[in-house]
Amino acid sequence: MHAIPKLTMRLARATRPSRDQGPAGKPRPGRALLATVVSGGALLMAGVAGAGAASAATAGSPTAAHPVIYTTSQGGYTASGRWLRFVATTVKVPAAGPYSHYAEVVLGGTHVAPVYLAVAAGGGPESVAWSVGVPPFGMGGGALSKVAPKAGDTVLIDLYYNRSGGDVVATATDLTTNVTQNFAIGDKTTAIFDAAEVAAVLKNPASPPPGNVRLWQFTNSAVTTYTGIHGTMAGPWTTSQVFDTTNGGPSGQLVMSPSFLFNKGADFGAWLRAWLR
């Protein structure tokens, strides 16, 4: 990972805009309320209607409990419909395996570039990274290099939009080693973030696993509005599920999806599914 550059965010003027795995079934189509997903996992918020065709997901995938946003790389939940200044989640870093994936939190909006903070499977040096407008672990961001969790460490990641300062503060804390680091991203500009995401991001494998595999367990996920209303991925705001399919739409085979929310909407798992070819 390259060194953290001095980066200017594209912030626009403010304008209104098991139980864990879930039961077997097929995800039903939903309405992608505030999201268009582009390649590499970059979540750009916009008012876009979802597809209406029936999904061809495999048996063993969860029935959708919320409107569905279809992607080619992500599995998780979004919160939208309110002005949101904070999003956080806690994960236990899994060992590196045959699939390339990471966990992320995102703040985004209709008129603002999304801000990302992520931790990669396997951990190690520069395994915690932030970015603006593009996926992490590449150009357009940098690493929180002081936080270098090992596989098995528990890590808290969060993004906080500082309205008075006009920047987004990305913070990562390895709760196992008690090491923390933050970095202020921005150009001191007012922005409206009206959507937040907690999700796993996967480079889709060439073939499915022999059975469903949980890639990440998300716990204590939290969201806060500009006015200080606290909640989880379940609200009080609009909740959408994010599904990864082979073609990024409801007609593709289901690759990765979240479990049902539990612990009052704060916890869920992201599961790689044993899809059919």
Protein backbone atom coordinates (compact mmCIF):
# COMPACT_ATOMS: atom_id res chain seq x y z
CA MET A 1 0.00 0.00 0.00
CA HIS A 2 1.32 3.42 -0.92
CA ALA A 3 1.83 6.11 1.68
CA ILE A 4 -1.15 8.20 2.69
CA PRO A 5 -1.37 11.12 0.23
CA LYS A 6 -2.86 14.53 0.81
CA LEU A 7 -6.26 13.93 -0.74
CA THR A 8 -9.11 16.31 -1.49
CA MET A 9 -12.59 14.82 -1.16
CA ARG A 10 -15.16 15.69 -3.79
CA LEU A 11 -17.69 17.13 -1.33
CA ALA A 12 -20.63 18.96 -2.85
CA ARG A 13 -22.79 21.67 -1.38
CA ALA A 14 -25.43 20.44 1.03
CA THR A 15 -28.66 19.64 -0.82
CA ARG A 16 -31.65 17.69 0.58
CA PRO A 17 -31.87 14.61 -1.00
CA SER A 18 -27.89 -21.26 12.02
CA ARG A 19 -29.73 -18.07 12.98
CA ASP A 20 -26.71 -16.35 11.58
CA GLN A 21 -26.87 -18.17 8.27
CA GLY A 22 -30.61 -17.85 7.81
CA PRO A 23 -33.17 -20.28 6.42
CA ALA A 24 -33.06 -21.90 3.02
CA GLY A 25 -34.88 -20.27 0.15
CA LYS A 26 -34.48 -17.85 -2.74
CA PRO A 27 -33.92 -14.11 -2.46
CA ARG A 28 -36.89 -12.25 -3.83
CA PRO A 29 -36.32 -9.13 -5.93
CA GLY A 30 -36.40 -5.78 -4.19
CA ARG A 31 -35.94 -2.07 -4.84
CA ALA A 32 -32.43 -0.61 -4.64
CA LEU A 33 -33.53 2.53 -2.88
CA LEU A 34 -30.37 4.62 -2.86
CA ALA A 35 -27.57 2.74 -4.55
CA THR A 36 -25.87 2.07 -7.82
CA VAL A 37 -22.89 -0.25 -7.51
CA VAL A 38 -19.91 -0.02 -9.85
CA SER A 39 -17.02 -2.40 -10.44
CA GLY A 40 -14.59 -3.17 -7.64
CA GLY A 41 -17.11 -2.58 -4.88
CA ALA A 42 -17.41 1.21 -5.06
CA LEU A 43 -20.85 2.08 -3.68
CA LEU A 44 -22.17 5.32 -5.17
CA MET A 45 -25.48 6.52 -3.79
CA ALA A 46 -28.24 7.56 -6.18
CA GLY A 47 -32.00 7.09 -6.42
CA VAL A 48 -32.16 4.04 -8.68
CA ALA A 49 -34.98 1.53 -9.00
CA GLY A 50 -34.11 -2.12 -8.54
CA ALA A 51 -34.83 -4.93 -10.95
CA GLY A 52 -38.14 -6.76 -10.93
CA ALA A 53 -37.28 -10.17 -12.33
CA ALA A 54 -37.23 -13.27 -10.12
CA SER A 55 -33.83 -14.27 -8.80
CA ALA A 56 -32.21 -17.53 -9.84
CA ALA A 57 -30.36 -18.00 -6.55
CA THR A 58 -29.47 -21.43 -5.32
CA ALA A 59 -31.21 -23.35 -2.59
CA GLY A 60 -29.63 -22.62 0.76
CA SER A 61 -29.54 -18.85 0.33
CA PRO A 62 -31.59 -16.64 2.66
CA THR A 63 -34.95 -15.17 1.79
CA ALA A 64 -34.62 -11.39 1.52
CA ALA A 65 -36.03 -9.63 4.56
CA HIS A 66 -35.46 -6.14 3.11
CA PRO A 67 -35.23 -4.48 -0.33
CA VAL A 68 -32.25 -5.87 -2.24
CA ILE A 69 -29.35 -4.09 -3.93
CA TYR A 70 -27.62 -6.41 -6.43
CA THR A 71 -23.86 -6.17 -7.00
CA THR A 72 -21.00 -8.25 -8.37
CA SER A 73 -18.84 -8.02 -5.25
CA GLN A 74 -20.64 -7.16 -2.00
CA GLY A 75 -22.72 -8.80 0.71
CA GLY A 76 -24.10 -6.81 3.62
CA TYR A 77 -26.55 -4.08 4.60
CA THR A 78 -27.10 -0.40 3.88
CA ALA A 79 -28.88 2.27 5.90
CA SER A 80 -30.40 5.20 4.01
CA GLY A 81 -33.08 7.86 4.01
CA ARG A 82 -31.53 9.99 6.79
CA TRP A 83 -28.49 12.24 6.98
CA LEU A 84 -25.89 9.94 8.52
CA ARG A 85 -22.64 11.09 10.14
CA PHE A 86 -21.29 7.86 11.66
CA VAL A 87 -21.04 4.17 10.80
CA ALA A 88 -19.09 1.48 12.66
CA THR A 89 -18.73 -2.27 12.98
CA THR A 90 -16.53 -4.81 14.76
CA VAL A 91 -15.03 -7.86 13.08
CA LYS A 92 -12.76 -10.75 13.98
CA VAL A 93 -10.12 -10.88 11.24
CA PRO A 94 -10.33 -14.25 9.47
CA ALA A 95 -7.30 -16.13 8.23
CA ALA A 96 -6.31 -15.64 4.62
CA GLY A 97 -7.79 -18.36 2.45
CA PRO A 98 -8.50 -19.23 -1.17
CA TYR A 99 -10.72 -16.15 -1.69
CA SER A 100 -9.67 -12.50 -1.75
CA HIS A 101 -12.02 -10.43 0.43
CA TYR A 102 -12.29 -7.66 3.02
CA ALA A 103 -14.80 -6.05 5.38
CA GLU A 104 -15.75 -2.39 4.99
CA VAL A 105 -17.79 0.50 6.30
CA VAL A 106 -18.91 3.24 3.89
CA LEU A 107 -20.44 6.71 4.10
CA GLY A 108 -21.97 7.90 0.82
CA GLY A 109 -24.55 10.19 -0.69
CA THR A 110 -26.23 11.31 -3.87
CA HIS A 111 -23.95 14.34 -4.31
CA VAL A 112 -20.78 13.21 -2.58
CA ALA A 113 -18.04 10.67 -3.29
CA PRO A 114 -18.25 7.65 -0.97
CA VAL A 115 -15.67 7.27 1.79
CA TYR A 116 -14.43 3.76 2.66
CA LEU A 117 -12.59 2.12 5.55
CA ALA A 118 -11.73 -1.56 5.29
CA VAL A 119 -9.81 -4.42 6.87
CA ALA A 120 -8.52 -7.31 4.77
CA ALA A 121 -8.73 -11.02 5.55
CA GLY A 122 -5.44 -12.35 6.88
CA GLY A 123 -4.47 -9.06 8.51
CA GLY A 124 -0.85 -7.97 8.60
CA PRO A 125 0.91 -4.73 7.62
CA GLU A 126 -1.26 -2.24 5.69
CA SER A 127 -4.31 -4.50 5.96
CA VAL A 128 -6.44 -1.57 7.16
CA ALA A 129 -7.06 1.03 4.45
CA TRP A 130 -9.26 4.01 3.58
CA SER A 131 -10.19 5.57 0.26
CA VAL A 132 -12.47 8.14 -1.37
CA GLY A 133 -14.49 7.51 -4.52
CA VAL A 134 -12.72 4.25 -5.36
CA PRO A 135 -12.34 0.90 -3.56
CA PRO A 136 -9.70 0.68 -0.81
CA PHE A 137 -6.36 -1.10 -1.19
CA GLY A 138 -5.52 0.82 -4.36
CA MET A 139 -5.21 4.37 -5.63
CA GLY A 140 -7.25 7.13 -4.05
CA GLY A 141 -6.49 6.45 -0.40
CA GLY A 142 -3.95 5.02 2.00
CA ALA A 143 -3.31 2.72 4.94
CA LEU A 144 -3.70 3.12 8.68
CA SER A 145 -0.33 1.42 9.02
CA LYS A 146 -0.06 1.55 12.82
CA VAL A 147 -2.94 -0.92 13.04
CA ALA A 148 -1.67 -4.26 11.71
CA PRO A 149 -4.00 -6.93 13.11
CA LYS A 150 -3.21 -10.61 13.04
CA ALA A 151 -5.74 -13.23 11.99
CA GLY A 152 -7.96 -13.76 15.01
CA ASP A 153 -7.69 -10.19 16.29
CA THR A 154 -10.89 -8.24 16.88
CA VAL A 155 -10.94 -4.90 15.06
CA LEU A 156 -13.33 -1.94 15.30
CA ILE A 157 -13.58 0.27 12.19
CA ASP A 158 -15.62 3.45 11.96
CA LEU A 159 -16.15 6.58 9.88
CA TYR A 160 -17.28 9.85 11.46
CA TYR A 161 -18.24 12.97 9.52
CA ASN A 162 -17.11 15.97 11.55
CA ARG A 163 -19.63 18.62 10.52
CA SER A 164 -17.79 21.46 12.23
CA GLY A 165 -14.45 20.54 10.67
CA GLY A 166 -15.81 19.43 7.31
CA ASP A 167 -13.85 16.19 7.14
CA VAL A 168 -14.42 12.47 7.66
CA VAL A 169 -12.35 10.81 10.37
CA ALA A 170 -11.46 7.16 9.67
CA THR A 171 -10.56 5.22 12.84
CA ALA A 172 -9.39 1.65 13.31
CA THR A 173 -8.78 0.01 16.67
CA ASP A 174 -7.31 -3.43 17.22
CA LEU A 175 -9.20 -4.36 20.37
CA THR A 176 -6.91 -7.36 20.92
CA THR A 177 -3.70 -5.31 21.09
CA ASN A 178 -5.31 -1.98 22.06
CA VAL A 179 -3.65 -0.16 19.15
CA THR A 180 -5.66 2.60 17.45
CA GLN A 181 -5.12 5.08 14.62
CA ASN A 182 -7.26 7.68 12.90
CA PHE A 183 -6.90 9.89 9.86
CA ALA A 184 -8.92 12.97 8.87
CA ILE A 185 -9.99 12.94 5.22
CA GLY A 186 -11.44 16.01 3.55
CA ASP A 187 -11.24 19.58 2.37
CA LYS A 188 -13.30 21.36 5.05
CA THR A 189 -16.48 21.34 2.96
CA THR A 190 -20.09 20.79 3.95
CA ALA A 191 -21.54 17.52 2.66
CA ILE A 192 -24.67 15.42 2.91
CA PHE A 193 -24.08 11.72 3.59
CA ASP A 194 -27.45 10.02 3.32
CA ALA A 195 -26.41 6.38 3.19
CA ALA A 196 -24.10 4.05 5.10
CA GLU A 197 -22.98 0.48 4.40
CA VAL A 198 -21.48 -2.38 6.38
CA ALA A 199 -20.47 -5.22 4.09
CA ALA A 200 -17.97 -7.79 2.91
CA VAL A 201 -16.36 -7.28 -0.50
CA LEU A 202 -15.26 -10.30 -2.52
CA LYS A 203 -13.34 -10.83 -5.71
CA ASN A 204 -15.69 -13.43 -7.13
CA PRO A 205 -14.02 -16.84 -7.31
CA ALA A 206 -13.98 -18.88 -10.49
CA SER A 207 -15.86 -21.73 -8.83
CA PRO A 208 -18.13 -22.06 -5.80
CA PRO A 209 -17.18 -23.64 -2.49
CA PRO A 210 -18.57 -27.12 -1.72
CA GLY A 211 -20.85 -25.58 0.90
CA ASN A 212 -21.85 -22.22 2.34
CA VAL A 213 -18.89 -20.47 4.03
CA ARG A 214 -19.09 -17.54 6.43
CA LEU A 215 -16.41 -15.07 5.39
CA TRP A 216 -17.05 -12.36 8.00
CA GLN A 217 -19.01 -11.93 11.23
CA PHE A 218 -20.07 -8.32 11.86
CA THR A 219 -20.99 -7.31 15.43
CA ASN A 220 -22.02 -4.12 17.20
CA SER A 221 -22.72 -2.35 13.91
CA ALA A 222 -23.91 1.20 14.59
CA VAL A 223 -25.18 4.22 12.67
CA THR A 224 -25.81 7.80 13.86
CA THR A 225 -27.67 10.66 12.18
CA TYR A 226 -26.59 14.28 11.94
CA THR A 227 -29.01 15.10 14.79
CA GLY A 228 -27.59 12.42 17.09
CA ILE A 229 -30.15 9.64 16.67
CA HIS A 230 -28.41 6.31 17.29
CA GLY A 231 -29.36 2.98 15.76
CA THR A 232 -28.16 -0.17 14.05
CA MET A 233 -28.43 -1.49 10.50
CA ALA A 234 -32.11 -2.18 11.28
CA GLY A 235 -33.03 1.48 11.77
CA PRO A 236 -34.62 3.83 12.55
CA TRP A 237 -34.05 4.38 8.78
CA THR A 238 -34.46 2.44 5.55
CA THR A 239 -32.59 -0.87 5.57
CA SER A 240 -31.55 -2.68 2.39
CA GLN A 241 -29.71 -5.96 1.87
CA VAL A 242 -26.76 -6.15 -0.52
CA PHE A 243 -26.39 -9.34 -2.60
CA ASP A 244 -23.46 -10.43 -4.78
CA THR A 245 -24.54 -12.35 -7.89
CA THR A 246 -22.68 -13.65 -10.90
CA ASN A 247 -24.08 -10.92 -13.16
CA GLY A 248 -24.83 -8.16 -10.66
CA GLY A 249 -28.58 -8.62 -11.07
CA PRO A 250 -31.46 -10.75 -9.77
CA SER A 251 -31.13 -13.25 -12.63
CA GLY A 252 -27.58 -14.25 -11.65
CA GLN A 253 -26.53 -17.04 -9.33
CA LEU A 254 -26.14 -15.88 -5.73
CA VAL A 255 -22.44 -15.69 -4.81
CA MET A 256 -22.47 -13.90 -1.44
CA SER A 257 -25.23 -12.58 0.81
CA PRO A 258 -25.77 -11.52 4.40
CA SER A 259 -27.59 -13.49 7.06
CA PHE A 260 -30.63 -12.06 8.76
CA LEU A 261 -29.88 -9.25 11.19
CA PHE A 262 -29.87 -10.15 14.88
CA ASN A 263 -28.89 -8.56 18.22
CA LYS A 264 -31.35 -5.72 17.50
CA GLY A 265 -29.94 -5.29 14.00
CA ALA A 266 -26.32 -4.85 15.06
CA ASP A 267 -24.98 -8.28 14.03
CA PHE A 268 -24.95 -10.39 10.87
CA GLY A 269 -22.71 -12.69 8.87
CA ALA A 270 -21.54 -12.42 5.26
CA TRP A 271 -21.76 -15.82 3.59
CA LEU A 272 -20.14 -17.17 0.44
CA ARG A 273 -22.79 -19.38 -1.12
CA ALA A 274 -22.46 -22.73 -2.85
CA TRP A 275 -23.98 -21.53 -6.09
CA LEU A 276 -24.61 -23.66 -9.15
CA ARG A 277 -22.84 -23.33 -12.48
